[in-house]
Amino acid sequence: MIEFDRVTVTYDGAEQPALRDVSFTVPEGELALVIGRTGSGKSTLLRAINGLVPHFTGGTLAGRVLVNGRDTQAYRPRDLADVVGIVGQDPMAGFVTDTVEDELAYSMESLGVAPDVMRRRVEETLDLLGLADVRDRALTSLSGGQRQRTAIGAALTSHPAVLVLDEPTSALDPQAAEEVLAALQRLVHDLGVTVVMAEHRLERVIQYADRVIEVPGGTAVVSTGLPADLMVTAPVAPPVVELGRLAGWSPLPLSVRDARRAAGVLRDRLGDSGPIRPVPVVGSELARCNDLIAGYGTITALRGVSLTINSGEVVALMGRNGAGKSTLLNALVGLVQPRSGTLTAAGVDPRRTKPKRLVKAVGLVPQEPADLLYAATVAEECAAADSDFRVRAGRCRSLLDRLAPDIDDQLHPRDLSEGQRLCLALAVVLCGAPPLLLLDEPTRGLDYGAKRRLVEILRELAAEGHAVILSTHDVEMVAEVATRVLVLADGELVSDGETAAVIAGSPAFAPQVAKILAPLPFLTVGEVATALERAS
């Protein structure tokens, strides 16, 4: 169905190719998972499948890409629309209509699908992806996860033979991600659709893949093979694989179920030893909400939320898509005006504080990091951040190098990958080291290495007396760094407690290690490794 034959892609002005001499095939009815570090070229590979590379992006493509027998050099993206459906990293960038239902119908209208067939497919997709309740909503009013599901649905309704997905679960809560992946499984197994998916959250998808395509970046060769074979040495691997490597399991398990079957001996080795977790030094109050009610138009997003955040805490804000997480963060930084209730952030009222002063008290990295970036190059963006926050020259760049090394100074921020752009936005906000730091989905597009480096920075900030609130669906990140978890549901605060107490026993929020080793109280591979060292 898909064939890459010695494909090399070089963008205009680039010193080296984004992809070099890539050759592989993906047969009909397979799910191929594309893995690799942030910025390694995964998105370039995906865009070459439907001709966006090079017809839209520019640059040169040497070699040949065949999709269902069509050469993408000769067929432009519009000529492949009946064969290939694609969902990019930024759903809003691909929307062309105003409402959810219209967006689902648009691709079918373009292909001339009969009206009665269109109506049936729209209804099926609304039910399949849990979008029926927002069918008439404006796309701009949706949460990030709802937008992502809408974008996936818009690609599905035209019933393509090939479906290309770039980070399809990055903004989805665990339940929604499972529903989307189950739908993709049905498409692959029952309808013979070929799915090519790039995803950093391998813990969610690796067990479903028929083959893995590893894009290492640089001059290294792109390789392909069975998931269990490539995971033995892959530089990016989910916790279940890392735990298998640590325990010496062979073959390596790819699912929690397989790992639990192999974990008996490991549980015995761990015995009664429990994890050693650092105790956070909690200081003075940095944020408070009292009976906060907020919303948009006729929609009430927060319903009487009351909470306190203190210095030294790293607080994870969790809950399903549309629960009100982003609204709470936006209210704390003054972007949303509450309807009633009171709130303070770093000693100021966000509603009555001038932006110039507020930005030094509270920093927000939004779901769309590009909203913070306005300079023409990475170097200019970093220099502007240093100047705005009056810190030593080079501080922002040093933070960026910690998060995502080797980003070219002269690249335009819009030319970066989604993960690299997020790292740049994080570096800009972290440069000011505000007392209260708000992060909305801070791991979208980040590989495991970048997430580990972000965890280190957040721990340092907490140790220095800052408070961090991160809204996230990344349960593995929460297990690594959060000292406390808040769970929102339908705008109400339904849970507030220490991280292990809230997530360990939750079917939705428990990390892989907790599921594998239950009833032992471990959350991360690092905790297990430390316990084994103590036991030996």
Protein backbone atom coordinates (compact mmCIF):
# COMPACT_ATOMS: atom_id res chain seq x y z
CA MET A 1 0.00 0.00 0.00
CA ILE A 2 2.85 2.42 0.90
CA GLU A 3 6.38 2.18 -0.45
CA PHE A 4 9.35 4.45 0.23
CA ASP A 5 12.20 3.81 -2.20
CA ARG A 6 15.49 5.54 -1.26
CA VAL A 7 13.72 8.73 -0.23
CA THR A 8 15.77 11.77 0.78
CA VAL A 9 14.07 15.04 1.75
CA THR A 10 16.02 18.29 2.00
CA TYR A 11 14.35 21.58 2.90
CA ASP A 12 15.48 24.83 1.34
CA GLY A 13 18.41 26.32 3.26
CA ALA A 14 18.91 23.25 5.45
CA GLU A 15 22.45 22.06 6.07
CA GLN A 16 21.46 18.40 6.00
CA PRO A 17 18.46 16.35 4.87
CA ALA A 18 15.46 15.89 7.15
CA LEU A 19 15.25 12.29 5.87
CA ARG A 20 18.11 10.40 4.26
CA ASP A 21 17.86 7.34 1.98
CA VAL A 22 14.66 5.96 3.54
CA SER A 23 13.30 2.66 2.21
CA PHE A 24 10.45 0.58 3.62
CA THR A 25 7.02 -0.79 2.73
CA VAL A 26 3.76 -0.89 4.68
CA PRO A 27 1.30 -3.54 3.40
CA GLU A 28 -2.44 -3.00 3.26
CA GLY A 29 -4.29 -3.35 6.56
CA GLU A 30 -1.35 -2.75 8.91
CA LEU A 31 -0.83 -0.24 11.69
CA ALA A 32 2.68 1.19 11.40
CA LEU A 33 4.01 3.20 14.34
CA VAL A 34 6.63 5.88 13.62
CA ILE A 35 8.93 6.58 16.58
CA GLY A 36 11.91 8.84 17.17
CA ARG A 37 13.17 11.79 19.17
CA THR A 38 11.55 15.23 19.00
CA GLY A 39 12.54 16.86 15.71
CA SER A 40 14.00 13.69 14.17
CA GLY A 41 11.90 13.92 10.98
CA LYS A 42 8.78 11.92 11.81
CA SER A 43 6.37 14.62 10.60
CA THR A 44 8.33 14.97 7.37
CA LEU A 45 7.97 11.25 6.74
CA LEU A 46 4.21 11.39 7.36
CA ARG A 47 3.71 14.40 5.11
CA ALA A 48 5.56 12.69 2.29
CA ILE A 49 2.84 10.01 2.23
CA ASN A 50 0.16 12.37 0.90
CA GLY A 51 2.47 14.69 -1.05
CA LEU A 52 2.52 17.64 1.35
CA VAL A 53 6.27 17.07 1.12
CA PRO A 54 7.44 18.56 -1.19
CA HIS A 55 4.37 20.07 -2.95
CA PHE A 56 3.33 22.21 0.03
CA THR A 57 6.43 22.44 2.22
CA GLY A 58 8.93 23.10 -0.57
CA GLY A 59 12.39 21.59 -0.65
CA THR A 60 13.39 18.60 -2.73
CA LEU A 61 12.39 14.96 -2.55
CA ALA A 62 14.75 12.45 -4.13
CA GLY A 63 13.67 8.84 -4.59
CA ARG A 64 10.07 7.69 -4.85
CA VAL A 65 7.00 7.43 -2.60
CA LEU A 66 4.19 5.20 -3.88
CA VAL A 67 0.74 5.16 -2.25
CA ASN A 68 -1.74 2.67 -3.66
CA GLY A 69 0.34 2.68 -6.83
CA ARG A 70 0.40 6.49 -7.17
CA ASP A 71 3.71 8.35 -7.23
CA THR A 72 3.42 11.37 -4.92
CA GLN A 73 5.82 13.31 -7.15
CA ALA A 74 3.20 13.17 -9.91
CA TYR A 75 0.09 13.42 -7.70
CA ARG A 76 -0.48 16.51 -5.58
CA PRO A 77 -2.19 16.26 -2.15
CA ARG A 78 -5.62 17.08 -3.64
CA ASP A 79 -5.16 14.22 -6.11
CA LEU A 80 -4.52 11.82 -3.23
CA ALA A 81 -7.41 13.02 -1.04
CA ASP A 82 -9.60 10.05 -1.97
CA VAL A 83 -6.87 7.64 -0.83
CA VAL A 84 -5.07 9.34 2.07
CA GLY A 85 -6.59 11.04 5.11
CA ILE A 86 -4.16 13.00 7.28
CA VAL A 87 -4.38 14.57 10.74
CA GLY A 88 -1.54 16.90 11.70
CA GLN A 89 -0.14 17.84 15.09
CA ASP A 90 -2.14 21.08 15.21
CA PRO A 91 -5.85 20.32 14.59
CA MET A 92 -6.84 23.99 14.29
CA ALA A 93 -4.43 24.46 11.40
CA GLY A 94 -6.41 21.93 9.35
CA PHE A 95 -9.95 23.10 10.09
CA VAL A 96 -11.83 24.85 7.26
CA THR A 97 -15.36 25.22 8.70
CA ASP A 98 -16.88 26.69 11.87
CA THR A 99 -18.63 23.81 13.68
CA VAL A 100 -17.93 20.19 14.51
CA GLU A 101 -20.65 18.72 12.27
CA ASP A 102 -19.67 20.89 9.29
CA GLU A 103 -16.02 19.88 9.68
CA LEU A 104 -16.91 16.19 9.67
CA ALA A 105 -18.89 16.66 6.45
CA TYR A 106 -16.42 18.88 4.60
CA SER A 107 -14.07 16.22 3.19
CA MET A 108 -17.04 14.19 1.92
CA GLU A 109 -18.52 17.25 0.23
CA SER A 110 -15.19 17.84 -1.51
CA LEU A 111 -15.19 14.26 -2.79
CA GLY A 112 -18.82 14.38 -3.97
CA VAL A 113 -20.23 11.80 -1.53
CA ALA A 114 -24.03 11.41 -1.74
CA PRO A 115 -25.94 13.44 0.93
CA ASP A 116 -27.62 10.42 2.53
CA VAL A 117 -24.26 8.65 2.84
CA MET A 118 -22.71 11.79 4.29
CA ARG A 119 -25.39 12.05 6.96
CA ARG A 120 -24.97 8.43 8.00
CA ARG A 121 -21.18 8.69 8.22
CA VAL A 122 -21.35 11.91 10.25
CA GLU A 123 -23.66 10.27 12.80
CA GLU A 124 -21.46 7.16 12.99
CA THR A 125 -18.35 9.28 13.55
CA LEU A 126 -19.99 11.46 16.20
CA ASP A 127 -20.85 8.31 18.17
CA LEU A 128 -17.53 6.61 17.49
CA LEU A 129 -15.45 9.49 18.88
CA GLY A 130 -17.83 10.75 21.58
CA LEU A 131 -18.58 14.05 19.86
CA ALA A 132 -22.38 13.96 19.74
CA ASP A 133 -22.70 16.42 22.63
CA VAL A 134 -20.61 19.06 20.83
CA ARG A 135 -21.86 18.56 17.26
CA ASP A 136 -23.14 22.15 17.01
CA ARG A 137 -20.31 23.78 18.95
CA ALA A 138 -17.92 26.25 17.33
CA LEU A 139 -14.50 24.70 16.79
CA THR A 140 -12.86 27.63 18.56
CA SER A 141 -14.84 26.87 21.73
CA LEU A 142 -13.67 23.24 22.03
CA SER A 143 -11.02 21.92 24.38
CA GLY A 144 -7.76 20.71 22.87
CA GLY A 145 -8.82 17.07 23.13
CA GLN A 146 -12.21 17.74 21.54
CA ARG A 147 -10.48 19.49 18.65
CA GLN A 148 -8.17 16.55 18.18
CA ARG A 149 -11.06 14.09 18.09
CA THR A 150 -12.86 16.32 15.58
CA ALA A 151 -9.79 16.39 13.32
CA ILE A 152 -9.54 12.59 13.46
CA GLY A 153 -13.24 12.29 12.69
CA ALA A 154 -12.94 14.65 9.71
CA ALA A 155 -10.28 12.36 8.25
CA LEU A 156 -12.28 9.20 8.97
CA THR A 157 -15.58 10.22 7.35
CA SER A 158 -14.20 10.04 3.81
CA HIS A 159 -13.23 6.37 4.44
CA PRO A 160 -9.63 6.66 3.16
CA ALA A 161 -7.59 3.56 2.34
CA VAL A 162 -4.63 5.12 4.18
CA LEU A 163 -4.92 7.12 7.39
CA VAL A 164 -1.92 9.19 8.52
CA LEU A 165 -1.93 10.48 12.10
CA ASP A 166 0.64 12.77 13.75
CA GLU A 167 0.40 12.52 17.56
CA PRO A 168 -3.29 11.54 17.55
CA THR A 169 -3.61 10.95 21.31
CA SER A 170 -1.37 13.75 22.61
CA ALA A 171 -4.24 15.96 23.83
CA LEU A 172 -6.66 13.18 24.76
CA ASP A 173 -7.51 11.98 28.24
CA PRO A 174 -6.81 8.25 28.85
CA GLN A 175 -10.39 7.15 28.23
CA ALA A 176 -10.73 9.15 25.00
CA ALA A 177 -7.36 7.86 23.81
CA GLU A 178 -8.47 4.27 24.35
CA GLU A 179 -11.67 4.93 22.40
CA VAL A 180 -9.76 6.44 19.47
CA LEU A 181 -7.22 3.62 19.42
CA ALA A 182 -10.00 1.04 19.58
CA ALA A 183 -11.66 2.73 16.60
CA LEU A 184 -8.38 2.63 14.67
CA GLN A 185 -8.01 -1.05 15.52
CA ARG A 186 -11.45 -1.76 14.05
CA LEU A 187 -10.52 0.14 10.89
CA VAL A 188 -7.32 -1.87 10.50
CA HIS A 189 -8.68 -5.32 11.40
CA ASP A 190 -12.19 -5.15 9.98
CA LEU A 191 -11.90 -2.78 7.02
CA GLY A 192 -8.28 -3.25 5.96
CA VAL A 193 -7.37 0.44 6.37
CA THR A 194 -3.63 1.11 6.48
CA VAL A 195 -2.73 3.38 9.40
CA VAL A 196 0.59 5.18 9.80
CA MET A 197 0.89 6.92 13.15
CA ALA A 198 3.63 8.97 14.82
CA GLU A 199 3.27 9.03 18.58
CA HIS A 200 5.51 9.87 21.54
CA ARG A 201 3.23 8.27 24.13
CA LEU A 202 4.30 4.75 23.26
CA GLU A 203 2.75 3.37 26.44
CA ARG A 204 -0.63 3.93 24.78
CA VAL A 205 0.01 2.51 21.32
CA ILE A 206 2.99 0.17 21.09
CA GLN A 207 0.92 -2.97 21.79
CA TYR A 208 -1.35 -2.21 18.82
CA ALA A 209 1.40 -1.76 16.22
CA ASP A 210 2.08 -4.35 13.53
CA ARG A 211 5.41 -2.74 12.68
CA VAL A 212 7.60 0.07 13.96
CA ILE A 213 9.44 2.60 11.82
CA GLU A 214 12.26 4.19 13.80
CA VAL A 215 13.40 7.64 12.63
CA PRO A 216 16.60 8.37 14.58
CA GLY A 217 17.36 11.73 12.95
CA GLY A 218 20.70 13.08 11.74
CA THR A 219 22.70 10.78 9.51
CA ALA A 220 21.45 7.54 11.09
CA VAL A 221 19.45 5.13 8.93
CA VAL A 222 15.69 4.77 9.31
CA SER A 223 14.93 1.18 10.33
CA THR A 224 11.75 -0.87 10.43
CA GLY A 225 10.78 -4.12 12.08
CA LEU A 226 8.54 -5.87 14.58
CA PRO A 227 7.79 -3.85 17.73
CA ALA A 228 9.24 -6.43 20.15
CA ASP A 229 12.49 -6.58 18.16
CA LEU A 230 13.06 -2.84 17.82
CA MET A 231 12.13 -2.08 21.44
CA VAL A 232 15.15 -4.07 22.66
CA THR A 233 17.52 -1.24 21.69
CA ALA A 234 15.23 1.69 20.81
CA PRO A 235 16.35 4.98 22.44
CA VAL A 236 12.70 5.89 23.11
CA ALA A 237 10.66 3.27 24.94
CA PRO A 238 7.57 3.22 27.19
CA PRO A 239 7.76 2.38 30.91
CA VAL A 240 6.58 -1.22 30.34
CA VAL A 241 9.61 -1.80 28.09
CA GLU A 242 12.01 0.05 30.43
CA LEU A 243 10.78 -2.11 33.29
CA GLY A 244 11.27 -5.23 31.16
CA ARG A 245 14.83 -4.18 30.36
CA LEU A 246 15.53 -3.53 34.05
CA ALA A 247 14.12 -6.92 35.07
CA GLY A 248 15.81 -8.77 32.20
CA TRP A 249 12.59 -10.12 30.70
CA SER A 250 12.80 -11.81 27.31
CA PRO A 251 10.89 -11.37 25.12
CA LEU A 252 10.13 -7.82 26.19
CA PRO A 253 6.45 -7.29 27.04
CA LEU A 254 4.64 -4.53 25.15
CA SER A 255 1.41 -4.49 27.16
CA VAL A 256 0.55 -4.27 30.85
CA ARG A 257 -1.14 -7.65 30.63
CA ASP A 258 1.98 -9.41 29.34
CA ALA A 259 4.16 -7.59 31.86
CA ARG A 260 1.96 -8.62 34.79
CA ARG A 261 2.33 -12.25 33.73
CA ALA A 262 6.11 -11.89 33.88
CA ALA A 263 6.28 -9.76 37.04
CA GLY A 264 5.96 -12.45 39.73
CA VAL A 265 9.70 -12.87 40.27
CA LEU A 266 10.23 -9.10 40.27
CA ARG A 267 7.58 -8.64 42.96
CA ASP A 268 9.34 -11.26 45.06
CA ARG A 269 12.69 -9.48 44.62
CA LEU A 270 11.15 -6.23 45.74
CA GLY A 271 9.57 -7.94 48.75
CA ASP A 272 8.32 -5.51 51.37
CA SER A 273 10.53 -2.63 50.24
CA GLY A 274 8.61 0.42 49.16
CA PRO A 275 9.57 3.43 47.10
CA ILE A 276 11.52 6.31 48.61
CA ARG A 277 9.97 9.58 47.52
CA PRO A 278 11.30 13.03 48.37
CA VAL A 279 9.09 15.01 50.72
CA PRO A 280 8.27 18.41 49.21
CA VAL A 281 9.11 21.47 51.29
CA VAL A 282 5.80 23.32 51.19
CA GLY A 283 5.93 27.02 51.93
CA SER A 284 3.64 30.01 51.73
CA GLU A 285 0.44 30.31 49.72
CA LEU A 286 0.90 31.27 46.05
CA ALA A 287 -2.60 30.74 44.62
CA ARG A 288 -6.10 30.54 46.01
CA CYS A 289 -9.57 30.09 44.51
CA ASN A 290 -12.74 30.45 46.54
CA ASP A 291 -16.02 29.20 45.06
CA LEU A 292 -14.82 30.08 41.55
CA ILE A 293 -17.39 29.99 38.75
CA ALA A 294 -16.31 30.71 35.17
CA GLY A 295 -17.31 29.88 31.62
CA TYR A 296 -17.76 30.95 28.01
CA GLY A 297 -21.08 32.31 26.80
CA THR A 298 -23.76 29.86 27.88
CA ILE A 299 -21.20 27.21 28.88
CA THR A 300 -20.20 26.95 32.55
CA ALA A 301 -16.70 25.47 32.69
CA LEU A 302 -15.94 25.83 36.42
CA ARG A 303 -18.54 25.27 39.12
CA GLY A 304 -17.61 26.49 42.60
CA VAL A 305 -13.93 25.47 42.59
CA SER A 306 -12.03 26.16 45.82
CA LEU A 307 -8.35 25.29 46.27
CA THR A 308 -5.01 26.53 47.60
CA ILE A 309 -1.58 26.11 46.01
CA ASN A 310 1.61 26.64 48.04
CA SER A 311 5.23 27.27 47.09
CA GLY A 312 7.29 24.13 46.62
CA GLU A 313 4.38 22.14 45.17
CA VAL A 314 4.13 20.56 41.74
CA VAL A 315 0.41 20.08 41.25
CA ALA A 316 -1.06 18.00 38.42
CA LEU A 317 -4.48 19.05 37.18
CA MET A 318 -6.23 16.06 35.63
CA GLY A 319 -9.63 15.11 34.25
CA ARG A 320 -11.33 14.26 30.98
CA ASN A 321 -11.31 16.58 27.98
CA GLY A 322 -13.59 19.55 28.59
CA ALA A 323 -13.51 19.19 32.40
CA GLY A 324 -12.38 22.80 32.90
CA LYS A 325 -8.61 22.39 33.35
CA SER A 326 -7.55 25.03 30.81
CA THR A 327 -10.25 27.41 32.05
CA LEU A 328 -8.82 27.23 35.58
CA LEU A 329 -5.30 27.98 34.34
CA ASN A 330 -6.55 30.82 32.15
CA ALA A 331 -8.47 32.30 35.10
CA LEU A 332 -5.31 32.24 37.24
CA VAL A 333 -3.47 34.26 34.61
CA GLY A 334 -6.34 36.67 33.90
CA LEU A 335 -7.36 35.41 30.47
CA VAL A 336 -10.80 34.32 31.71
CA GLN A 337 -12.98 36.61 33.80
CA PRO A 338 -14.77 34.65 36.56
CA ARG A 339 -18.52 35.08 36.86
CA SER A 340 -18.30 34.87 40.63
CA GLY A 341 -15.93 33.85 43.39
CA THR A 342 -12.47 35.14 44.19
CA LEU A 343 -8.94 34.20 43.19
CA THR A 344 -5.39 35.38 43.74
CA ALA A 345 -2.17 34.30 42.03
CA ALA A 346 1.27 35.05 43.47
CA GLY A 347 -0.24 37.73 45.68
CA VAL A 348 -2.14 39.62 42.98
CA ASP A 349 -5.64 39.59 41.54
CA PRO A 350 -5.16 38.61 37.86
CA ARG A 351 -8.28 40.57 36.86
CA ARG A 352 -6.96 43.85 38.26
CA THR A 353 -3.24 43.59 37.56
CA LYS A 354 -1.51 45.13 34.54
CA PRO A 355 0.04 42.54 32.20
CA LYS A 356 3.56 43.94 32.64
CA ARG A 357 3.40 43.18 36.36
CA LEU A 358 1.33 40.03 36.07
CA VAL A 359 3.80 38.28 33.76
CA LYS A 360 6.45 38.53 36.48
CA ALA A 361 4.12 36.86 38.98
CA VAL A 362 2.45 34.16 36.87
CA GLY A 363 3.70 32.43 33.73
CA LEU A 364 1.47 30.37 31.42
CA VAL A 365 2.51 28.05 28.61
CA PRO A 366 -0.77 27.49 26.71
CA GLN A 367 -1.87 24.45 24.71
CA GLU A 368 -0.84 26.28 21.53
CA PRO A 369 2.77 27.29 22.27
CA ALA A 370 2.99 29.25 19.01
CA ASP A 371 0.75 31.87 20.64
CA LEU A 372 3.79 33.01 22.65
CA LEU A 373 6.22 33.15 19.73
CA TYR A 374 6.47 36.19 17.49
CA ALA A 375 10.15 36.68 16.47
CA ALA A 376 11.59 35.70 13.09
CA THR A 377 14.23 33.30 14.42
CA VAL A 378 14.89 31.11 17.46
CA ALA A 379 17.86 33.32 18.39
CA GLU A 380 15.72 36.47 18.31
CA GLU A 381 13.01 34.78 20.39
CA CYS A 382 15.53 33.81 23.05
CA ALA A 383 17.18 37.23 23.05
CA ALA A 384 13.78 38.93 23.44
CA ALA A 385 12.95 36.72 26.42
CA ASP A 386 16.27 37.56 28.09
CA SER A 387 15.60 41.26 27.55
CA ASP A 388 11.95 41.18 28.64
CA PHE A 389 12.75 39.41 31.91
CA ARG A 390 16.04 41.31 32.44
CA VAL A 391 18.13 38.20 32.95
CA ARG A 392 21.65 37.49 31.75
CA ALA A 393 22.06 37.09 28.00
CA GLY A 394 21.88 33.46 26.94
CA ARG A 395 19.68 32.21 29.81
CA CYS A 396 16.71 31.41 27.55
CA ARG A 397 18.97 29.64 25.05
CA SER A 398 20.56 27.56 27.82
CA LEU A 399 17.11 26.47 29.00
CA LEU A 400 16.17 25.56 25.43
CA ASP A 401 19.36 23.51 25.07
CA ARG A 402 18.43 21.56 28.20
CA LEU A 403 14.99 20.77 26.84
CA ALA A 404 15.80 20.24 23.15
CA PRO A 405 19.48 20.35 22.20
CA ASP A 406 20.77 21.26 18.73
CA ILE A 407 17.93 23.52 17.52
CA ASP A 408 19.32 25.86 14.86
CA ASP A 409 19.39 29.49 16.01
CA GLN A 410 18.36 30.76 12.58
CA LEU A 411 15.24 28.64 12.15
CA HIS A 412 11.88 30.38 12.21
CA PRO A 413 9.84 29.17 15.22
CA ARG A 414 7.00 28.18 12.87
CA ASP A 415 9.41 25.83 11.05
CA LEU A 416 10.12 23.83 14.19
CA SER A 417 8.39 20.56 14.98
CA GLU A 418 5.50 20.75 17.42
CA GLY A 419 7.70 19.39 20.22
CA GLN A 420 10.55 21.79 19.46
CA ARG A 421 8.13 24.72 19.37
CA LEU A 422 6.78 23.68 22.77
CA CYS A 423 10.32 23.50 24.16
CA LEU A 424 10.99 27.03 22.90
CA ALA A 425 7.79 28.36 24.50
CA LEU A 426 8.69 26.57 27.75
CA ALA A 427 12.17 28.11 27.69
CA VAL A 428 10.71 31.60 27.13
CA VAL A 429 8.36 31.33 30.12
CA LEU A 430 10.86 29.51 32.35
CA CYS A 431 13.36 32.28 31.62
CA GLY A 432 11.34 34.62 33.82
CA ALA A 433 11.13 32.01 36.63
CA PRO A 434 7.73 33.32 37.82
CA PRO A 435 6.70 32.35 41.36
CA LEU A 436 3.63 30.58 39.91
CA LEU A 437 4.15 28.56 36.72
CA LEU A 438 1.17 27.23 34.77
CA LEU A 439 1.68 24.58 32.07
CA ASP A 440 -1.19 23.46 29.83
CA GLU A 441 -0.39 20.06 28.27
CA PRO A 442 3.39 20.61 28.55
CA THR A 443 4.40 17.22 27.10
CA ARG A 444 2.61 17.34 23.73
CA GLY A 445 5.18 16.49 21.08
CA LEU A 446 7.94 15.70 23.59
CA ASP A 447 9.85 12.43 23.54
CA TYR A 448 10.78 10.61 26.75
CA GLY A 449 14.20 12.27 26.94
CA ALA A 450 12.76 15.77 26.67
CA LYS A 451 10.16 14.92 29.33
CA ARG A 452 12.90 13.73 31.69
CA ARG A 453 14.75 17.01 31.21
CA LEU A 454 11.55 18.98 31.85
CA VAL A 455 10.97 16.98 35.04
CA GLU A 456 14.44 17.97 36.26
CA ILE A 457 13.75 21.66 35.64
CA LEU A 458 10.37 21.54 37.40
CA ARG A 459 11.91 19.81 40.41
CA GLU A 460 14.57 22.52 40.59
CA LEU A 461 11.94 25.25 40.45
CA ALA A 462 9.91 23.61 43.22
CA ALA A 463 13.04 23.25 45.37
CA GLU A 464 13.69 26.98 44.90
CA GLY A 465 10.22 27.82 46.21
CA HIS A 466 8.19 28.17 43.03
CA ALA A 467 4.80 26.51 42.57
CA VAL A 468 3.94 24.62 39.38
CA ILE A 469 0.48 23.64 38.14
CA LEU A 470 0.46 21.41 35.08
CA SER A 471 -2.73 20.44 33.30
CA THR A 472 -2.00 17.12 31.65
CA HIS A 473 -3.27 13.75 30.50
CA ASP A 474 0.25 12.30 30.70
CA VAL A 475 -0.06 9.98 33.70
CA GLU A 476 3.59 8.89 33.41
CA MET A 477 4.73 12.52 33.73
CA VAL A 478 2.44 12.99 36.72
CA ALA A 479 3.93 9.93 38.42
CA GLU A 480 7.44 11.30 37.90
CA VAL A 481 7.09 14.88 39.08
CA ALA A 482 3.75 15.74 40.74
CA THR A 483 3.55 16.00 44.53
CA ARG A 484 -0.22 16.47 44.48
CA VAL A 485 -3.07 15.73 42.07
CA LEU A 486 -6.31 17.63 41.53
CA VAL A 487 -9.05 15.97 39.46
CA LEU A 488 -11.76 18.03 37.77
CA ALA A 489 -15.01 16.58 36.41
CA ASP A 490 -17.61 18.73 34.66
CA GLY A 491 -16.07 21.84 36.18
CA GLU A 492 -16.09 20.56 39.76
CA LEU A 493 -13.11 19.58 41.90
CA VAL A 494 -13.74 15.94 42.77
CA SER A 495 -10.36 14.83 44.12
CA ASP A 496 -7.41 16.53 45.81
CA GLY A 497 -4.61 14.56 47.39
CA GLU A 498 -1.08 13.20 47.37
CA THR A 499 -0.10 11.80 43.96
CA ALA A 500 0.16 8.10 44.81
CA ALA A 501 -3.09 8.14 46.76
CA VAL A 502 -5.03 9.65 43.85
CA ILE A 503 -3.61 7.86 40.81
CA ALA A 504 -2.26 4.48 41.97
CA GLY A 505 -5.62 2.73 42.18
CA SER A 506 -7.34 4.58 39.36
CA PRO A 507 -8.13 2.51 36.25
CA ALA A 508 -7.79 5.66 34.12
CA PHE A 509 -4.91 7.54 35.75
CA ALA A 510 -2.63 4.78 37.09
CA PRO A 511 0.81 4.67 35.37
CA GLN A 512 2.02 1.47 33.78
CA VAL A 513 4.37 0.48 36.60
CA ALA A 514 1.58 0.78 39.17
CA LYS A 515 -0.66 -1.48 37.08
CA ILE A 516 2.09 -4.04 36.53
CA LEU A 517 3.35 -4.29 40.12
CA ALA A 518 0.08 -3.80 42.04
CA PRO A 519 -0.46 -4.19 44.95
CA LEU A 520 3.12 -2.94 45.50
CA PRO A 521 3.09 0.89 45.75
CA PHE A 522 5.55 1.72 42.93
CA LEU A 523 4.74 4.35 40.30
CA THR A 524 7.87 4.67 38.15
CA VAL A 525 10.74 2.58 36.77
CA GLY A 526 13.18 4.81 38.67
CA GLU A 527 11.54 3.91 41.98
CA VAL A 528 11.83 0.20 41.14
CA ALA A 529 15.50 0.55 40.15
CA THR A 530 16.32 2.31 43.43
CA ALA A 531 14.49 -0.35 45.46
CA LEU A 532 16.35 -3.17 43.68
CA GLU A 533 19.68 -1.48 44.44
CA ARG A 534 18.76 -1.29 48.13
CA ALA A 535 17.65 -4.93 48.14
CA SER A 536 20.84 -6.25 46.50
